[in-house]
Amino acid sequence: MPLSRRLPKRGFKNPFKKEIAVINVSQLRIFPEGSVVDAEVLTARGLVKKGRDGVKLLGKGEISHPVTVKLGSISQSARAKIEAAGGSVI
C-alpha cells in the first residue's frame, strides 16, 4: 500500500475561507492630506495584494493629517484615530 494512504490525514482545510488583508493606521501616512483611501488605491500603491476578499483597517500606529477612508470594515480604535486627526470614515 502506498505511503500516502498509510499515513493519517490531519486537519481541515475550509474551501470557503475569506482572505482579508490587514492595514494599520500607521500605513496611511504615505497618503497626502485630504486624500481618499479605498481598496483600489491601496492595491495600486502595493499595500494590498490582488485577489483578496476584503480589507480591514486596524488601529495600530498614529496618523497626524486628515484622510477620508472608504473601506468595508474598520476597527473602533482606527475610526477614533482617523476622526481625531480631522479625517472621516465612510
Protein backbone atom coordinates (compact mmCIF):
# COMPACT_ATOMS: atom_id res chain seq x y z
CA MET A 1 0.00 0.00 0.00
CA PRO A 2 1.42 3.49 -0.82
CA LEU A 3 2.79 5.61 1.99
CA SER A 4 0.28 8.43 1.35
CA ARG A 5 -2.61 6.05 2.07
CA ARG A 6 -0.97 4.56 5.16
CA LEU A 7 -0.38 7.88 6.94
CA PRO A 8 -3.30 9.57 8.74
CA LYS A 9 -4.80 12.74 7.32
CA ARG A 10 -4.67 15.72 9.68
CA GLY A 11 -6.65 18.93 9.97
CA PHE A 12 -9.34 20.57 7.94
CA LYS A 13 -9.00 22.99 5.01
CA ASN A 14 -12.00 25.28 4.67
CA PRO A 15 -12.68 25.94 0.96
CA PHE A 16 -14.93 28.92 1.81
CA LYS A 17 -12.40 30.82 3.96
CA LYS A 18 -12.23 34.54 3.22
CA GLU A 19 -8.80 36.15 2.90
CA ILE A 20 -8.94 39.59 4.49
CA ALA A 21 -5.99 41.94 4.02
CA VAL A 22 -4.99 43.88 7.14
CA ILE A 23 -3.83 47.51 7.04
CA ASN A 24 -2.78 49.60 10.04
CA VAL A 25 -3.44 53.31 10.58
CA SER A 26 0.31 53.97 10.56
CA GLN A 27 0.46 52.80 6.92
CA LEU A 28 -1.92 55.60 5.88
CA ARG A 29 0.82 58.19 6.50
CA ILE A 30 2.07 57.78 2.91
CA PHE A 31 -1.11 59.39 1.54
CA PRO A 32 -1.22 63.21 1.32
CA GLU A 33 -3.54 65.31 3.43
CA GLY A 34 -7.17 65.23 2.31
CA SER A 35 -6.82 62.19 0.02
CA VAL A 36 -9.47 59.49 -0.36
CA VAL A 37 -8.29 55.98 0.56
CA ASP A 38 -10.20 52.92 -0.66
CA ALA A 39 -9.36 49.33 -1.63
CA GLU A 40 -8.40 50.23 -5.21
CA VAL A 41 -5.96 52.92 -4.06
CA LEU A 42 -4.38 50.54 -1.54
CA THR A 43 -3.94 47.91 -4.27
CA ALA A 44 -2.44 50.46 -6.67
CA ARG A 45 0.07 51.58 -4.01
CA GLY A 46 1.07 47.96 -3.26
CA LEU A 47 -0.19 47.82 0.33
CA VAL A 48 -2.74 45.10 -0.54
CA LYS A 49 -2.25 42.19 -2.90
CA LYS A 50 -4.81 41.48 -5.59
CA GLY A 51 -7.23 38.60 -5.12
CA ARG A 52 -8.16 39.33 -1.52
CA ASP A 53 -11.76 39.19 -0.31
CA GLY A 54 -11.64 42.48 1.58
CA VAL A 55 -9.57 44.98 3.53
CA LYS A 56 -9.76 45.72 7.25
CA LEU A 57 -8.22 48.81 8.84
CA LEU A 58 -6.77 48.29 12.33
CA GLY A 59 -5.79 50.96 14.86
CA LYS A 60 -2.06 50.28 15.31
CA GLY A 61 0.01 53.44 14.99
CA GLU A 62 -0.85 57.11 14.68
CA ILE A 63 -1.85 59.50 11.91
CA SER A 64 -1.49 63.28 12.13
CA HIS A 65 -3.23 64.55 8.98
CA PRO A 66 -6.85 64.10 7.83
CA VAL A 67 -7.75 61.48 5.21
CA THR A 68 -11.07 60.08 4.03
CA VAL A 69 -11.30 56.29 4.32
CA LYS A 70 -13.81 54.20 2.34
CA LEU A 71 -13.43 50.58 3.45
CA GLY A 72 -15.79 47.77 4.33
CA SER A 73 -14.53 47.04 7.83
CA ILE A 74 -12.73 49.34 10.24
CA SER A 75 -11.94 48.76 13.90
CA GLN A 76 -13.28 51.18 16.50
CA SER A 77 -9.82 52.35 17.53
CA ALA A 78 -8.87 53.08 13.91
CA ARG A 79 -12.10 55.05 13.42
CA ALA A 80 -11.39 57.09 16.56
CA LYS A 81 -7.80 57.91 15.49
CA ILE A 82 -8.84 58.99 11.99
CA GLU A 83 -11.65 61.19 13.27
CA ALA A 84 -9.36 62.68 15.96
CA ALA A 85 -6.94 63.71 13.20
CA GLY A 86 -9.77 65.51 11.37
CA GLY A 87 -10.49 62.83 8.77
CA SER A 88 -13.67 60.95 8.04
CA VAL A 89 -14.74 57.33 7.67
CA ILE A 90 -17.36 56.31 5.12
